[in-house]
C-alpha cells in the first residue's frame, strides 16, 4: 500500500475515533504535524507537506459529514466536543 493511501486511511480512522471520543478531535492535527515533522533521510519537504495534507483531508472526510448534519439539525455550528 502506498504512503498516500496509508496516510489517508489512518487519518480517516482518527476522524472516526474523534466521532466516538471527542477528546480525539485534535488527533487529526497531531497526526498531520507528525507527518510534517518526521525525520526520514531523503524525504523532501514537499512530500512531507503532501502527506500532512492527506492526513488532514482523510480526517475531514470522516468528520465533516457529521458536522454538516449536526449543524443543519441544530441551526448553529456544533463542535465534536459539544455532546
PDB file of N, CA and C in Angstrom:
ATOM      1  N   UNK A   1       0.850  -1.172   0.000  1.00  0.00           N
ATOM      2  CA  UNK A   1       0.000   0.000   0.000  1.00  0.00           C
ATOM      3  C   UNK A   1       0.898   1.239   0.000  1.00  0.00           C
ATOM      4  N   UNK A   2       0.521   2.247  -0.750  1.00  0.00           N
ATOM      5  CA  UNK A   2       1.355   3.438  -0.848  1.00  0.00           C
ATOM      6  C   UNK A   2       1.233   4.295   0.412  1.00  0.00           C
ATOM      7  N   UNK A   3       2.181   5.187   0.573  1.00  0.00           N
ATOM      8  CA  UNK A   3       2.188   6.075   1.729  1.00  0.00           C
ATOM      9  C   UNK A   3       0.974   6.998   1.715  1.00  0.00           C
ATOM     10  N   UNK A   4       0.563   7.446   0.535  1.00  0.00           N
ATOM     11  CA  UNK A   4      -0.587   8.341   0.434  1.00  0.00           C
ATOM     12  C   UNK A   4      -1.863   7.647   0.901  1.00  0.00           C
ATOM     13  N   UNK A   5      -2.068   6.429   0.471  1.00  0.00           N
ATOM     14  CA  UNK A   5      -3.256   5.675   0.869  1.00  0.00           C
ATOM     15  C   UNK A   5      -3.218   5.382   2.362  1.00  0.00           C
ATOM     16  N   UNK A   6      -2.049   4.993   2.850  1.00  0.00           N
ATOM     17  CA  UNK A   6      -1.906   4.693   4.269  1.00  0.00           C
ATOM     18  C   UNK A   6      -2.170   5.924   5.117  1.00  0.00           C
ATOM     19  N   UNK A   7      -1.618   7.071   4.723  1.00  0.00           N
ATOM     20  CA  UNK A   7      -1.836   8.314   5.468  1.00  0.00           C
ATOM     21  C   UNK A   7      -3.313   8.680   5.511  1.00  0.00           C
ATOM     22  N   UNK A   8      -3.985   8.558   4.392  1.00  0.00           N
ATOM     23  CA  UNK A   8      -5.396   8.915   4.325  1.00  0.00           C
ATOM     24  C   UNK A   8      -6.246   7.958   5.152  1.00  0.00           C
ATOM     25  N   UNK A   9      -5.957   6.666   5.081  1.00  0.00           N
ATOM     26  CA  UNK A   9      -6.733   5.692   5.858  1.00  0.00           C
ATOM     27  C   UNK A   9      -6.522   5.848   7.363  1.00  0.00           C
ATOM     28  N   UNK A  10      -5.298   6.101   7.771  1.00  0.00           N
ATOM     29  CA  UNK A  10      -5.022   6.318   9.196  1.00  0.00           C
ATOM     30  C   UNK A  10      -5.751   7.561   9.683  1.00  0.00           C
ATOM     31  N   UNK A  11      -5.745   8.610   8.883  1.00  0.00           N
ATOM     32  CA  UNK A  11      -6.430   9.840   9.271  1.00  0.00           C
ATOM     33  C   UNK A  11      -7.943   9.655   9.308  1.00  0.00           C
ATOM     34  N   UNK A  12      -8.491   8.893   8.367  1.00  0.00           N
ATOM     35  CA  UNK A  12      -9.932   8.620   8.396  1.00  0.00           C
ATOM     36  C   UNK A  12     -10.299   7.828   9.640  1.00  0.00           C
ATOM     37  N   UNK A  13      -9.453   6.905  10.028  1.00  0.00           N
ATOM     38  CA  UNK A  13      -9.675   6.162  11.259  1.00  0.00           C
ATOM     39  C   UNK A  13      -9.598   7.088  12.472  1.00  0.00           C
ATOM     40  N   UNK A  14      -8.682   8.038  12.456  1.00  0.00           N
ATOM     41  CA  UNK A  14      -8.590   9.021  13.537  1.00  0.00           C
ATOM     42  C   UNK A  14      -9.840   9.895  13.569  1.00  0.00           C
ATOM     43  N   UNK A  15     -10.381  10.230  12.400  1.00  0.00           N
ATOM     44  CA  UNK A  15     -11.619  11.003  12.347  1.00  0.00           C
ATOM     45  C   UNK A  15     -12.790  10.222  12.917  1.00  0.00           C
ATOM     46  N   UNK A  16     -12.864   8.944  12.614  1.00  0.00           N
ATOM     47  CA  UNK A  16     -13.922   8.100  13.192  1.00  0.00           C
ATOM     48  C   UNK A  16     -13.760   7.999  14.702  1.00  0.00           C
ATOM     49  N   UNK A  17     -12.519   7.946  15.152  1.00  0.00           N
ATOM     50  CA  UNK A  17     -12.262   7.927  16.590  1.00  0.00           C
ATOM     51  C   UNK A  17     -12.749   9.218  17.231  1.00  0.00           C
ATOM     52  N   UNK A  18     -12.549  10.341  16.562  1.00  0.00           N
ATOM     53  CA  UNK A  18     -12.994  11.628  17.090  1.00  0.00           C
ATOM     54  C   UNK A  18     -14.516  11.700  17.173  1.00  0.00           C
ATOM     55  N   UNK A  19     -15.200  11.001  16.285  1.00  0.00           N
ATOM     56  CA  UNK A  19     -16.664  10.988  16.352  1.00  0.00           C
ATOM     57  C   UNK A  19     -17.160  10.206  17.566  1.00  0.00           C
ATOM     58  N   UNK A  20     -16.396   9.216  17.990  1.00  0.00           N
ATOM     59  CA  UNK A  20     -16.781   8.393  19.134  1.00  0.00           C
ATOM     60  C   UNK A  20     -16.293   9.015  20.440  1.00  0.00           C
ATOM     61  N   UNK A  21     -15.078   9.475  20.456  1.00  0.00           N
ATOM     62  CA  UNK A  21     -14.471  10.085  21.639  1.00  0.00           C
ATOM     63  C   UNK A  21     -14.018  11.499  21.282  1.00  0.00           C
ATOM     64  N   UNK A  22     -14.770  12.512  21.672  1.00  0.00           N
ATOM     65  CA  UNK A  22     -14.433  13.888  21.280  1.00  0.00           C
ATOM     66  C   UNK A  22     -13.054  14.356  21.727  1.00  0.00           C
ATOM     67  N   UNK A  23     -12.476  13.718  22.730  1.00  0.00           N
ATOM     68  CA  UNK A  23     -11.139  14.118  23.147  1.00  0.00           C
ATOM     69  C   UNK A  23     -10.118  13.867  22.042  1.00  0.00           C
ATOM     70  N   UNK A  24     -10.454  13.014  21.091  1.00  0.00           N
ATOM     71  CA  UNK A  24      -9.569  12.714  19.962  1.00  0.00           C
ATOM     72  C   UNK A  24      -9.757  13.697  18.811  1.00  0.00           C
ATOM     73  N   UNK A  25     -10.495  14.792  19.024  1.00  0.00           N
ATOM     74  CA  UNK A  25     -10.760  15.751  17.954  1.00  0.00           C
ATOM     75  C   UNK A  25      -9.477  16.381  17.424  1.00  0.00           C
ATOM     76  N   UNK A  26      -8.482  16.522  18.261  1.00  0.00           N
ATOM     77  CA  UNK A  26      -7.223  17.127  17.827  1.00  0.00           C
ATOM     78  C   UNK A  26      -6.252  16.114  17.238  1.00  0.00           C
ATOM     79  N   UNK A  27      -6.654  14.865  17.210  1.00  0.00           N
ATOM     80  CA  UNK A  27      -5.769  13.816  16.719  1.00  0.00           C
ATOM     81  C   UNK A  27      -5.405  14.012  15.246  1.00  0.00           C
ATOM     82  N   UNK A  28      -6.328  14.507  14.440  1.00  0.00           N
ATOM     83  CA  UNK A  28      -6.028  14.756  13.027  1.00  0.00           C
ATOM     84  C   UNK A  28      -4.918  15.775  12.855  1.00  0.00           C
ATOM     85  N   UNK A  29      -4.997  16.861  13.610  1.00  0.00           N
ATOM     86  CA  UNK A  29      -3.948  17.877  13.559  1.00  0.00           C
ATOM     87  C   UNK A  29      -2.617  17.361  14.068  1.00  0.00           C
ATOM     88  N   UNK A  30      -2.662  16.558  15.120  1.00  0.00           N
ATOM     89  CA  UNK A  30      -1.447  15.982  15.674  1.00  0.00           C
ATOM     90  C   UNK A  30      -0.783  15.031  14.674  1.00  0.00           C
ATOM     91  N   UNK A  31      -1.580  14.203  14.035  1.00  0.00           N
ATOM     92  CA  UNK A  31      -1.032  13.289  13.029  1.00  0.00           C
ATOM     93  C   UNK A  31      -0.462  14.050  11.830  1.00  0.00           C
ATOM     94  N   UNK A  32      -1.131  15.139  11.435  1.00  0.00           N
ATOM     95  CA  UNK A  32      -0.616  15.953  10.332  1.00  0.00           C
ATOM     96  C   UNK A  32       0.714  16.598  10.720  1.00  0.00           C
ATOM     97  N   UNK A  33       0.808  17.066  11.951  1.00  0.00           N
ATOM     98  CA  UNK A  33       2.055  17.656  12.423  1.00  0.00           C
ATOM     99  C   UNK A  33       3.176  16.620  12.445  1.00  0.00           C
ATOM    100  N   UNK A  34       2.856  15.420  12.887  1.00  0.00           N
ATOM    101  CA  UNK A  34       3.853  14.354  12.888  1.00  0.00           C
ATOM    102  C   UNK A  34       4.295  13.997  11.466  1.00  0.00           C
ATOM    103  N   UNK A  35       3.350  13.984  10.542  1.00  0.00           N
ATOM    104  CA  UNK A  35       3.695  13.697   9.143  1.00  0.00           C
ATOM    105  C   UNK A  35       4.582  14.797   8.567  1.00  0.00           C
ATOM    106  N   UNK A  36       4.357  16.013   9.005  1.00  0.00           N
ATOM    107  CA  UNK A  36       5.144  17.146   8.504  1.00  0.00           C
ATOM    108  C   UNK A  36       6.550  17.169   9.100  1.00  0.00           C
ATOM    109  N   UNK A  37       6.656  16.781  10.350  1.00  0.00           N
ATOM    110  CA  UNK A  37       7.935  16.908  11.049  1.00  0.00           C
ATOM    111  C   UNK A  37       8.771  15.639  11.108  1.00  0.00           C
ATOM    112  N   UNK A  38       8.246  14.541  10.599  1.00  0.00           N
ATOM    113  CA  UNK A  38       9.001  13.284  10.711  1.00  0.00           C
ATOM    114  C   UNK A  38      10.356  13.411  10.022  1.00  0.00           C
ATOM    115  N   UNK A  39      11.326  12.805  10.623  1.00  0.00           N
ATOM    116  CA  UNK A  39      12.698  12.949  10.134  1.00  0.00           C
ATOM    117  C   UNK A  39      13.144  11.671   9.433  1.00  0.00           C
ATOM    118  N   UNK A  40      12.830  11.567   8.165  1.00  0.00           N
ATOM    119  CA  UNK A  40      13.319  10.441   7.374  1.00  0.00           C
ATOM    120  C   UNK A  40      14.390  10.970   6.430  1.00  0.00           C
ATOM    121  N   UNK A  41      15.500  10.298   6.372  1.00  0.00           N
ATOM    122  CA  UNK A  41      16.558  10.750   5.463  1.00  0.00           C
ATOM    123  C   UNK A  41      16.076  10.731   4.009  1.00  0.00           C
ATOM    124  N   UNK A  42      16.281  11.811   3.330  1.00  0.00           N
ATOM    125  CA  UNK A  42      15.925  11.882   1.917  1.00  0.00           C
ATOM    126  C   UNK A  42      14.487  12.263   1.634  1.00  0.00           C
ATOM    127  N   UNK A  43      13.693  12.483   2.641  1.00  0.00           N
ATOM    128  CA  UNK A  43      12.292  12.862   2.436  1.00  0.00           C
ATOM    129  C   UNK A  43      12.219  14.380   2.272  1.00  0.00           C
ATOM    130  N   UNK A  44      11.793  14.801   1.104  1.00  0.00           N
ATOM    131  CA  UNK A  44      11.739  16.234   0.824  1.00  0.00           C
ATOM    132  C   UNK A  44      10.583  16.893   1.557  1.00  0.00           C
ATOM    133  N   UNK A  45      10.709  18.187   1.753  1.00  0.00           N
ATOM    134  CA  UNK A  45       9.699  18.974   2.467  1.00  0.00           C
ATOM    135  C   UNK A  45       8.353  18.943   1.740  1.00  0.00           C
ATOM    136  N   UNK A  46       8.380  18.928   0.423  1.00  0.00           N
ATOM    137  CA  UNK A  46       7.142  18.902  -0.359  1.00  0.00           C
ATOM    138  C   UNK A  46       6.376  17.605  -0.114  1.00  0.00           C
ATOM    139  N   UNK A  47       7.095  16.497  -0.058  1.00  0.00           N
ATOM    140  CA  UNK A  47       6.439  15.210   0.193  1.00  0.00           C
ATOM    141  C   UNK A  47       5.842  15.157   1.594  1.00  0.00           C
ATOM    142  N   UNK A  48       6.551  15.732   2.563  1.00  0.00           N
ATOM    143  CA  UNK A  48       6.010  15.764   3.922  1.00  0.00           C
ATOM    144  C   UNK A  48       4.765  16.635   3.996  1.00  0.00           C
ATOM    145  N   UNK A  49       4.769  17.757   3.263  1.00  0.00           N
ATOM    146  CA  UNK A  49       3.598  18.638   3.240  1.00  0.00           C
ATOM    147  C   UNK A  49       2.410  17.941   2.580  1.00  0.00           C
ATOM    148  N   UNK A  50       2.673  17.191   1.531  1.00  0.00           N
ATOM    149  CA  UNK A  50       1.592  16.437   0.879  1.00  0.00           C
ATOM    150  C   UNK A  50       1.019  15.376   1.817  1.00  0.00           C
ATOM    151  N   UNK A  51       1.898  14.687   2.540  1.00  0.00           N
ATOM    152  CA  UNK A  51       1.429  13.680   3.490  1.00  0.00           C
ATOM    153  C   UNK A  51       0.590  14.322   4.591  1.00  0.00           C
ATOM    154  N   UNK A  52       1.015  15.481   5.080  1.00  0.00           N
ATOM    155  CA  UNK A  52       0.248  16.188   6.106  1.00  0.00           C
ATOM    156  C   UNK A  52      -1.108  16.629   5.559  1.00  0.00           C
ATOM    157  N   UNK A  53      -1.134  17.088   4.321  1.00  0.00           N
ATOM    158  CA  UNK A  53      -2.400  17.476   3.694  1.00  0.00           C
ATOM    159  C   UNK A  53      -3.342  16.300   3.523  1.00  0.00           C
ATOM    160  N   UNK A  54      -2.796  15.153   3.150  1.00  0.00           N
ATOM    161  CA  UNK A  54      -3.620  13.948   3.017  1.00  0.00           C
ATOM    162  C   UNK A  54      -4.170  13.492   4.365  1.00  0.00           C
ATOM    163  N   UNK A  55      -3.372  13.659   5.401  1.00  0.00           N
ATOM    164  CA  UNK A  55      -3.850  13.313   6.742  1.00  0.00           C
ATOM    165  C   UNK A  55      -5.025  14.213   7.126  1.00  0.00           C
ATOM    166  N   UNK A  56      -4.888  15.508   6.904  1.00  0.00           N
ATOM    167  CA  UNK A  56      -5.986  16.425   7.231  1.00  0.00           C
ATOM    168  C   UNK A  56      -7.222  16.157   6.368  1.00  0.00           C
ATOM    169  N   UNK A  57      -7.011  15.842   5.106  1.00  0.00           N
ATOM    170  CA  UNK A  57      -8.138  15.538   4.218  1.00  0.00           C
ATOM    171  C   UNK A  57      -8.853  14.264   4.649  1.00  0.00           C
ATOM    172  N   UNK A  58      -8.105  13.243   5.011  1.00  0.00           N
ATOM    173  CA  UNK A  58      -8.720  11.998   5.467  1.00  0.00           C
ATOM    174  C   UNK A  58      -9.495  12.193   6.754  1.00  0.00           C
ATOM    175  N   UNK A  59      -8.955  12.991   7.665  1.00  0.00           N
ATOM    176  CA  UNK A  59      -9.639  13.276   8.926  1.00  0.00           C
ATOM    177  C   UNK A  59     -10.930  14.048   8.653  1.00  0.00           C
ATOM    178  N   UNK A  60     -10.841  15.054   7.801  1.00  0.00           N
ATOM    179  CA  UNK A  60     -12.021  15.855   7.475  1.00  0.00           C
ATOM    180  C   UNK A  60     -13.071  15.022   6.747  1.00  0.00           C
ATOM    181  N   UNK A  61     -12.641  14.096   5.920  1.00  0.00           N
ATOM    182  CA  UNK A  61     -13.568  13.234   5.198  1.00  0.00           C
ATOM    183  C   UNK A  61     -14.430  12.412   6.155  1.00  0.00           C
ATOM    184  N   UNK A  62     -13.861  12.039   7.280  1.00  0.00           N
ATOM    185  CA  UNK A  62     -14.612  11.260   8.266  1.00  0.00           C
ATOM    186  C   UNK A  62     -15.478  12.146   9.152  1.00  0.00           C
ATOM    187  N   UNK A  63     -15.035  13.354   9.466  1.00  0.00           N
ATOM    188  CA  UNK A  63     -15.715  14.203  10.454  1.00  0.00           C
ATOM    189  C   UNK A  63     -16.759  15.130   9.819  1.00  0.00           C
ATOM    190  N   UNK A  64     -16.476  15.671   8.650  1.00  0.00           N
ATOM    191  CA  UNK A  64     -17.344  16.698   8.077  1.00  0.00           C
ATOM    192  C   UNK A  64     -18.791  16.279   7.815  1.00  0.00           C
ATOM    193  N   UNK A  65     -19.072  15.060   7.355  1.00  0.00           N
ATOM    194  CA  UNK A  65     -20.489  14.720   7.159  1.00  0.00           C
ATOM    195  C   UNK A  65     -21.314  14.832   8.442  1.00  0.00           C
ATOM    196  N   UNK A  66     -20.754  14.414   9.566  1.00  0.00           N
ATOM    197  CA  UNK A  66     -21.466  14.542  10.827  1.00  0.00           C
ATOM    198  C   UNK A  66     -21.597  16.001  11.225  1.00  0.00           C
ATOM    199  N   UNK A  67     -20.543  16.774  11.038  1.00  0.00           N
ATOM    200  CA  UNK A  67     -20.579  18.191  11.389  1.00  0.00           C
ATOM    201  C   UNK A  67     -21.649  18.926  10.582  1.00  0.00           C
ATOM    202  N   UNK A  68     -21.733  18.650   9.296  1.00  0.00           N
ATOM    203  CA  UNK A  68     -22.742  19.296   8.445  1.00  0.00           C
ATOM    204  C   UNK A  68     -24.138  18.889   8.891  1.00  0.00           C
ATOM    205  N   UNK A  69     -24.359  17.605   9.141  1.00  0.00           N
ATOM    206  CA  UNK A  69     -25.666  17.127   9.576  1.00  0.00           C
ATOM    207  C   UNK A  69     -26.067  17.757  10.909  1.00  0.00           C
ATOM    208  N   UNK A  70     -25.153  17.758  11.867  1.00  0.00           N
ATOM    209  CA  UNK A  70     -25.463  18.311  13.187  1.00  0.00           C
ATOM    210  C   UNK A  70     -25.729  19.810  13.116  1.00  0.00           C
ATOM    211  N   UNK A  71     -24.978  20.525  12.295  1.00  0.00           N
ATOM    212  CA  UNK A  71     -25.181  21.962  12.151  1.00  0.00           C
ATOM    213  C   UNK A  71     -26.547  22.256  11.536  1.00  0.00           C
ATOM    214  N   UNK A  72     -26.960  21.471  10.579  1.00  0.00           N
ATOM    215  CA  UNK A  72     -28.284  21.669   9.965  1.00  0.00           C
ATOM    216  C   UNK A  72     -29.411  21.336  10.932  1.00  0.00           C
ATOM    217  N   UNK A  73     -29.211  20.343  11.764  1.00  0.00           N
ATOM    218  CA  UNK A  73     -30.248  19.955  12.723  1.00  0.00           C
ATOM    219  C   UNK A  73     -30.439  21.001  13.812  1.00  0.00           C
ATOM    220  N   UNK A  74     -29.350  21.560  14.302  1.00  0.00           N
ATOM    221  CA  UNK A  74     -29.400  22.476  15.441  1.00  0.00           C
ATOM    222  C   UNK A  74     -29.542  23.927  14.996  1.00  0.00           C
ATOM    223  N   UNK A  75     -28.989  24.260  13.846  1.00  0.00           N
ATOM    224  CA  UNK A  75     -29.086  25.625  13.357  1.00  0.00           C
ATOM    225  C   UNK A  75     -27.839  26.455  13.630  1.00  0.00           C
ATOM    226  N   UNK A  76     -26.853  25.898  14.293  1.00  0.00           N
ATOM    227  CA  UNK A  76     -25.573  26.579  14.507  1.00  0.00           C
ATOM    228  C   UNK A  76     -24.468  25.523  14.527  1.00  0.00           C
ATOM    229  N   UNK A  77     -23.233  25.978  14.464  1.00  0.00           N
ATOM    230  CA  UNK A  77     -22.110  25.043  14.406  1.00  0.00           C
ATOM    231  C   UNK A  77     -22.006  24.258  15.708  1.00  0.00           C
ATOM    232  N   UNK A  78     -21.902  22.960  15.557  1.00  0.00           N
ATOM    233  CA  UNK A  78     -21.755  22.056  16.705  1.00  0.00           C
ATOM    234  C   UNK A  78     -20.365  21.431  16.601  1.00  0.00           C
ATOM    235  N   UNK A  79     -19.549  21.663  17.607  1.00  0.00           N
ATOM    236  CA  UNK A  79     -18.222  21.080  17.629  1.00  0.00           C
ATOM    237  C   UNK A  79     -18.288  19.668  18.149  1.00  0.00           C
ATOM    238  N   UNK A  80     -17.282  18.879  17.865  1.00  0.00           N
ATOM    239  CA  UNK A  80     -17.277  17.481  18.292  1.00  0.00           C
ATOM    240  C   UNK A  80     -17.393  17.343  19.802  1.00  0.00           C
ATOM    241  N   UNK A  81     -16.842  18.258  20.537  1.00  0.00           N
ATOM    242  CA  UNK A  81     -16.824  18.122  21.991  1.00  0.00           C
ATOM    243  C   UNK A  81     -18.098  18.627  22.662  1.00  0.00           C
ATOM    244  N   UNK A  82     -19.093  19.018  21.894  1.00  0.00           N
ATOM    245  CA  UNK A  82     -20.349  19.522  22.448  1.00  0.00           C
ATOM    246  C   UNK A  82     -21.421  18.438  22.466  1.00  0.00           C
ATOM    247  N   UNK A  83     -21.123  17.265  22.967  1.00  0.00           N
ATOM    248  CA  UNK A  83     -22.045  16.142  23.034  1.00  0.00           C
ATOM    249  C   UNK A  83     -23.394  16.460  22.699  1.00  0.00           C
TER     250      UNK A  83
END
